[in-house]
């Protein structure tokens, strides 16, 4: 996958990655979970998973 943007969690164990038209959550074992195709979908999914506070930079990045 070609990634253009990514954000690391506060504990550096996970990343949110945007690439190829999807937004993924990647854990330290390399397991991928699609969390959305839009920023709103991805942010809502992180909230649902209880991981929104782990990614403050992603949740508050409104430069899109």
PDB file of N, CA and C in Angstrom:
ATOM      1  N   UNK A   1       0.840  -1.167   0.000  1.00  0.00           N
ATOM      2  CA  UNK A   1       0.000   0.000   0.000  1.00  0.00           C
ATOM      3  C   UNK A   1       0.887   1.231   0.000  1.00  0.00           C
ATOM      4  N   UNK A   2       0.507   2.185  -0.788  1.00  0.00           N
ATOM      5  CA  UNK A   2       1.232   3.444  -0.801  1.00  0.00           C
ATOM      6  C   UNK A   2       0.562   4.406   0.163  1.00  0.00           C
ATOM      7  N   UNK A   3       1.250   4.759   1.212  1.00  0.00           N
ATOM      8  CA  UNK A   3       0.712   5.646   2.234  1.00  0.00           C
ATOM      9  C   UNK A   3       1.220   7.057   2.010  1.00  0.00           C
ATOM     10  N   UNK A   4       0.310   7.996   2.120  1.00  0.00           N
ATOM     11  CA  UNK A   4       0.715   9.383   1.988  1.00  0.00           C
ATOM     12  C   UNK A   4       0.721  10.101   3.330  1.00  0.00           C
ATOM     13  N   UNK A   5      -0.097   9.636   4.266  1.00  0.00           N
ATOM     14  CA  UNK A   5      -0.194  10.287   5.565  1.00  0.00           C
ATOM     15  C   UNK A   5      -0.354   9.231   6.652  1.00  0.00           C
ATOM     16  N   UNK A   6       0.227   9.496   7.819  1.00  0.00           N
ATOM     17  CA  UNK A   6       0.026   8.590   8.947  1.00  0.00           C
ATOM     18  C   UNK A   6       0.187   9.344  10.258  1.00  0.00           C
ATOM     19  N   UNK A   7      -0.442   8.792  11.274  1.00  0.00           N
ATOM     20  CA  UNK A   7      -0.377   9.323  12.630  1.00  0.00           C
ATOM     21  C   UNK A   7      -0.097   8.168  13.564  1.00  0.00           C
ATOM     22  N   UNK A   8       0.813   8.350  14.507  1.00  0.00           N
ATOM     23  CA  UNK A   8       1.119   7.321  15.502  1.00  0.00           C
ATOM     24  C   UNK A   8       0.298   7.572  16.758  1.00  0.00           C
ATOM     25  N   UNK A   9      -0.033   6.472  17.440  1.00  0.00           N
ATOM     26  CA  UNK A   9      -0.721   6.597  18.723  1.00  0.00           C
ATOM     27  C   UNK A   9       0.259   7.139  19.759  1.00  0.00           C
ATOM     28  N   UNK A  10      -0.288   7.624  20.853  1.00  0.00           N
ATOM     29  CA  UNK A  10       0.560   8.181  21.909  1.00  0.00           C
ATOM     30  C   UNK A  10       1.548   7.164  22.454  1.00  0.00           C
ATOM     31  N   UNK A  11       1.171   5.881  22.460  1.00  0.00           N
ATOM     32  CA  UNK A  11       2.067   4.837  22.975  1.00  0.00           C
ATOM     33  C   UNK A  11       2.930   4.202  21.874  1.00  0.00           C
ATOM     34  N   UNK A  12       2.834   4.712  20.655  1.00  0.00           N
ATOM     35  CA  UNK A  12       3.599   4.225  19.496  1.00  0.00           C
ATOM     36  C   UNK A  12       3.329   2.763  19.152  1.00  0.00           C
ATOM     37  N   UNK A  13       2.192   2.210  19.573  1.00  0.00           N
ATOM     38  CA  UNK A  13       1.869   0.814  19.287  1.00  0.00           C
ATOM     39  C   UNK A  13       0.955   0.646  18.079  1.00  0.00           C
ATOM     40  N   UNK A  14       0.322   1.736  17.655  1.00  0.00           N
ATOM     41  CA  UNK A  14      -0.587   1.675  16.513  1.00  0.00           C
ATOM     42  C   UNK A  14      -0.394   2.911  15.643  1.00  0.00           C
ATOM     43  N   UNK A  15      -0.875   2.800  14.400  1.00  0.00           N
ATOM     44  CA  UNK A  15      -0.839   3.916  13.472  1.00  0.00           C
ATOM     45  C   UNK A  15      -2.168   4.001  12.740  1.00  0.00           C
ATOM     46  N   UNK A  16      -2.560   5.220  12.407  1.00  0.00           N
ATOM     47  CA  UNK A  16      -3.638   5.455  11.458  1.00  0.00           C
ATOM     48  C   UNK A  16      -2.947   5.860  10.167  1.00  0.00           C
ATOM     49  N   UNK A  17      -3.309   5.175   9.082  1.00  0.00           N
ATOM     50  CA  UNK A  17      -2.650   5.383   7.799  1.00  0.00           C
ATOM     51  C   UNK A  17      -3.704   5.654   6.740  1.00  0.00           C
ATOM     52  N   UNK A  18      -3.453   6.672   5.908  1.00  0.00           N
ATOM     53  CA  UNK A  18      -4.321   6.971   4.775  1.00  0.00           C
ATOM     54  C   UNK A  18      -3.568   6.641   3.507  1.00  0.00           C
ATOM     55  N   UNK A  19      -4.185   5.815   2.687  1.00  0.00           N
ATOM     56  CA  UNK A  19      -3.585   5.469   1.406  1.00  0.00           C
ATOM     57  C   UNK A  19      -4.531   4.650   0.555  1.00  0.00           C
ATOM     58  N   UNK A  20      -4.431   4.798  -0.730  1.00  0.00           N
ATOM     59  CA  UNK A  20      -5.247   4.025  -1.678  1.00  0.00           C
ATOM     60  C   UNK A  20      -6.741   4.144  -1.413  1.00  0.00           C
ATOM     61  N   UNK A  21      -7.192   5.317  -0.992  1.00  0.00           N
ATOM     62  CA  UNK A  21      -8.617   5.544  -0.808  1.00  0.00           C
ATOM     63  C   UNK A  21      -9.231   4.961   0.440  1.00  0.00           C
ATOM     64  N   UNK A  22      -8.416   4.487   1.367  1.00  0.00           N
ATOM     65  CA  UNK A  22      -8.948   3.964   2.617  1.00  0.00           C
ATOM     66  C   UNK A  22      -8.101   4.431   3.787  1.00  0.00           C
ATOM     67  N   UNK A  23      -8.718   4.382   4.961  1.00  0.00           N
ATOM     68  CA  UNK A  23      -8.029   4.765   6.192  1.00  0.00           C
ATOM     69  C   UNK A  23      -7.960   3.522   7.065  1.00  0.00           C
ATOM     70  N   UNK A  24      -6.750   3.176   7.469  1.00  0.00           N
ATOM     71  CA  UNK A  24      -6.514   1.935   8.193  1.00  0.00           C
ATOM     72  C   UNK A  24      -5.938   2.194   9.569  1.00  0.00           C
ATOM     73  N   UNK A  25      -6.251   1.293  10.487  1.00  0.00           N
ATOM     74  CA  UNK A  25      -5.621   1.235  11.800  1.00  0.00           C
ATOM     75  C   UNK A  25      -4.690   0.034  11.752  1.00  0.00           C
ATOM     76  N   UNK A  26      -3.421   0.260  12.014  1.00  0.00           N
ATOM     77  CA  UNK A  26      -2.422  -0.805  11.946  1.00  0.00           C
ATOM     78  C   UNK A  26      -1.799  -0.968  13.326  1.00  0.00           C
ATOM     79  N   UNK A  27      -1.839  -2.213  13.840  1.00  0.00           N
ATOM     80  CA  UNK A  27      -1.237  -2.437  15.154  1.00  0.00           C
ATOM     81  C   UNK A  27       0.227  -2.845  14.997  1.00  0.00           C
ATOM     82  N   UNK A  28       0.900  -3.036  16.109  1.00  0.00           N
ATOM     83  CA  UNK A  28       2.347  -3.316  16.063  1.00  0.00           C
ATOM     84  C   UNK A  28       2.665  -4.666  15.441  1.00  0.00           C
ATOM     85  N   UNK A  29       1.674  -5.563  15.347  1.00  0.00           N
ATOM     86  CA  UNK A  29       1.872  -6.856  14.694  1.00  0.00           C
ATOM     87  C   UNK A  29       1.620  -6.780  13.187  1.00  0.00           C
ATOM     88  N   UNK A  30       1.286  -5.585  12.702  1.00  0.00           N
ATOM     89  CA  UNK A  30       1.038  -5.409  11.278  1.00  0.00           C
ATOM     90  C   UNK A  30      -0.368  -5.747  10.840  1.00  0.00           C
ATOM     91  N   UNK A  31      -1.261  -6.026  11.794  1.00  0.00           N
ATOM     92  CA  UNK A  31      -2.646  -6.333  11.450  1.00  0.00           C
ATOM     93  C   UNK A  31      -3.373  -5.056  11.056  1.00  0.00           C
ATOM     94  N   UNK A  32      -4.105  -5.122   9.938  1.00  0.00           N
ATOM     95  CA  UNK A  32      -4.797  -3.970   9.382  1.00  0.00           C
ATOM     96  C   UNK A  32      -6.285  -4.052   9.666  1.00  0.00           C
ATOM     97  N   UNK A  33      -6.875  -2.919  10.039  1.00  0.00           N
ATOM     98  CA  UNK A  33      -8.313  -2.807  10.199  1.00  0.00           C
ATOM     99  C   UNK A  33      -8.750  -1.557   9.460  1.00  0.00           C
ATOM    100  N   UNK A  34      -9.640  -1.719   8.466  1.00  0.00           N
ATOM    101  CA  UNK A  34     -10.141  -0.536   7.771  1.00  0.00           C
ATOM    102  C   UNK A  34     -11.103   0.179   8.702  1.00  0.00           C
ATOM    103  N   UNK A  35     -10.850   1.463   8.937  1.00  0.00           N
ATOM    104  CA  UNK A  35     -11.716   2.226   9.832  1.00  0.00           C
ATOM    105  C   UNK A  35     -12.533   3.269   9.084  1.00  0.00           C
ATOM    106  N   UNK A  36     -12.353   3.345   7.773  1.00  0.00           N
ATOM    107  CA  UNK A  36     -13.177   4.262   7.002  1.00  0.00           C
ATOM    108  C   UNK A  36     -12.578   4.616   5.662  1.00  0.00           C
ATOM    109  N   UNK A  37     -13.405   5.305   4.874  1.00  0.00           N
ATOM    110  CA  UNK A  37     -12.932   5.847   3.603  1.00  0.00           C
ATOM    111  C   UNK A  37     -12.976   7.372   3.620  1.00  0.00           C
ATOM    112  N   UNK A  38     -13.569   7.928   4.672  1.00  0.00           N
ATOM    113  CA  UNK A  38     -13.560   9.379   4.874  1.00  0.00           C
ATOM    114  C   UNK A  38     -13.019   9.666   6.268  1.00  0.00           C
ATOM    115  N   UNK A  39     -12.566  10.877   6.483  1.00  0.00           N
ATOM    116  CA  UNK A  39     -12.051  11.248   7.802  1.00  0.00           C
ATOM    117  C   UNK A  39     -13.132  11.147   8.867  1.00  0.00           C
ATOM    118  N   UNK A  40     -14.345  11.581   8.538  1.00  0.00           N
ATOM    119  CA  UNK A  40     -15.429  11.499   9.517  1.00  0.00           C
ATOM    120  C   UNK A  40     -15.708  10.059   9.917  1.00  0.00           C
ATOM    121  N   UNK A  41     -15.757   9.156   8.928  1.00  0.00           N
ATOM    122  CA  UNK A  41     -15.982   7.737   9.237  1.00  0.00           C
ATOM    123  C   UNK A  41     -14.876   7.190  10.132  1.00  0.00           C
ATOM    124  N   UNK A  42     -13.634   7.510   9.797  1.00  0.00           N
ATOM    125  CA  UNK A  42     -12.498   6.999  10.562  1.00  0.00           C
ATOM    126  C   UNK A  42     -12.492   7.550  11.986  1.00  0.00           C
ATOM    127  N   UNK A  43     -12.787   8.818  12.134  1.00  0.00           N
ATOM    128  CA  UNK A  43     -12.817   9.408  13.476  1.00  0.00           C
ATOM    129  C   UNK A  43     -13.942   8.800  14.309  1.00  0.00           C
ATOM    130  N   UNK A  44     -15.103   8.592  13.689  1.00  0.00           N
ATOM    131  CA  UNK A  44     -16.212   7.952  14.408  1.00  0.00           C
ATOM    132  C   UNK A  44     -15.862   6.527  14.808  1.00  0.00           C
ATOM    133  N   UNK A  45     -15.201   5.792  13.938  1.00  0.00           N
ATOM    134  CA  UNK A  45     -14.810   4.413  14.240  1.00  0.00           C
ATOM    135  C   UNK A  45     -13.806   4.383  15.401  1.00  0.00           C
ATOM    136  N   UNK A  46     -12.846   5.312  15.400  1.00  0.00           N
ATOM    137  CA  UNK A  46     -11.895   5.372  16.517  1.00  0.00           C
ATOM    138  C   UNK A  46     -12.622   5.663  17.827  1.00  0.00           C
ATOM    139  N   UNK A  47     -13.626   6.549  17.773  1.00  0.00           N
ATOM    140  CA  UNK A  47     -14.423   6.810  18.982  1.00  0.00           C
ATOM    141  C   UNK A  47     -15.134   5.537  19.435  1.00  0.00           C
ATOM    142  N   UNK A  48     -15.737   4.822  18.473  1.00  0.00           N
ATOM    143  CA  UNK A  48     -16.443   3.580  18.797  1.00  0.00           C
ATOM    144  C   UNK A  48     -15.504   2.551  19.431  1.00  0.00           C
ATOM    145  N   UNK A  49     -14.260   2.504  18.956  1.00  0.00           N
ATOM    146  CA  UNK A  49     -13.273   1.565  19.472  1.00  0.00           C
ATOM    147  C   UNK A  49     -12.629   2.040  20.776  1.00  0.00           C
ATOM    148  N   UNK A  50     -12.931   3.271  21.186  1.00  0.00           N
ATOM    149  CA  UNK A  50     -12.337   3.829  22.394  1.00  0.00           C
ATOM    150  C   UNK A  50     -10.879   4.217  22.218  1.00  0.00           C
ATOM    151  N   UNK A  51     -10.477   4.486  20.972  1.00  0.00           N
ATOM    152  CA  UNK A  51      -9.082   4.810  20.691  1.00  0.00           C
ATOM    153  C   UNK A  51      -8.885   6.266  20.272  1.00  0.00           C
ATOM    154  N   UNK A  52      -9.934   7.070  20.334  1.00  0.00           N
ATOM    155  CA  UNK A  52      -9.820   8.456  19.886  1.00  0.00           C
ATOM    156  C   UNK A  52      -8.810   9.250  20.709  1.00  0.00           C
ATOM    157  N   UNK A  53      -8.718   8.991  22.009  1.00  0.00           N
ATOM    158  CA  UNK A  53      -7.764   9.718  22.846  1.00  0.00           C
ATOM    159  C   UNK A  53      -6.328   9.270  22.601  1.00  0.00           C
ATOM    160  N   UNK A  54      -6.147   8.105  21.955  1.00  0.00           N
ATOM    161  CA  UNK A  54      -4.808   7.619  21.610  1.00  0.00           C
ATOM    162  C   UNK A  54      -4.231   8.340  20.392  1.00  0.00           C
ATOM    163  N   UNK A  55      -5.094   9.011  19.624  1.00  0.00           N
ATOM    164  CA  UNK A  55      -4.677   9.675  18.383  1.00  0.00           C
ATOM    165  C   UNK A  55      -5.124  11.134  18.350  1.00  0.00           C
ATOM    166  N   UNK A  56      -4.668  11.946  19.304  1.00  0.00           N
ATOM    167  CA  UNK A  56      -5.141  13.341  19.336  1.00  0.00           C
ATOM    168  C   UNK A  56      -4.758  14.123  18.082  1.00  0.00           C
ATOM    169  N   UNK A  57      -3.598  13.849  17.509  1.00  0.00           N
ATOM    170  CA  UNK A  57      -3.197  14.575  16.304  1.00  0.00           C
ATOM    171  C   UNK A  57      -4.128  14.269  15.137  1.00  0.00           C
ATOM    172  N   UNK A  58      -4.517  13.012  14.973  1.00  0.00           N
ATOM    173  CA  UNK A  58      -5.434  12.638  13.905  1.00  0.00           C
ATOM    174  C   UNK A  58      -6.829  13.202  14.166  1.00  0.00           C
ATOM    175  N   UNK A  59      -7.293  13.112  15.384  1.00  0.00           N
ATOM    176  CA  UNK A  59      -8.642  13.564  15.712  1.00  0.00           C
ATOM    177  C   UNK A  59      -8.788  15.079  15.573  1.00  0.00           C
ATOM    178  N   UNK A  60      -7.693  15.803  15.713  1.00  0.00           N
ATOM    179  CA  UNK A  60      -7.749  17.268  15.678  1.00  0.00           C
ATOM    180  C   UNK A  60      -7.102  17.883  14.454  1.00  0.00           C
ATOM    181  N   UNK A  61      -6.740  17.068  13.471  1.00  0.00           N
ATOM    182  CA  UNK A  61      -6.107  17.587  12.258  1.00  0.00           C
ATOM    183  C   UNK A  61      -7.191  17.989  11.273  1.00  0.00           C
ATOM    184  N   UNK A  62      -7.403  19.301  11.139  1.00  0.00           N
ATOM    185  CA  UNK A  62      -8.460  19.800  10.243  1.00  0.00           C
ATOM    186  C   UNK A  62      -7.871  20.489   9.030  1.00  0.00           C
ATOM    187  N   UNK A  63      -6.677  20.083   8.645  1.00  0.00           N
ATOM    188  CA  UNK A  63      -6.018  20.663   7.475  1.00  0.00           C
ATOM    189  C   UNK A  63      -6.401  19.935   6.190  1.00  0.00           C
ATOM    190  N   UNK A  64      -7.493  19.214   6.189  1.00  0.00           N
ATOM    191  CA  UNK A  64      -7.913  18.440   5.024  1.00  0.00           C
ATOM    192  C   UNK A  64      -8.980  19.131   4.276  1.00  0.00           C
TER     193      UNK A  64
END
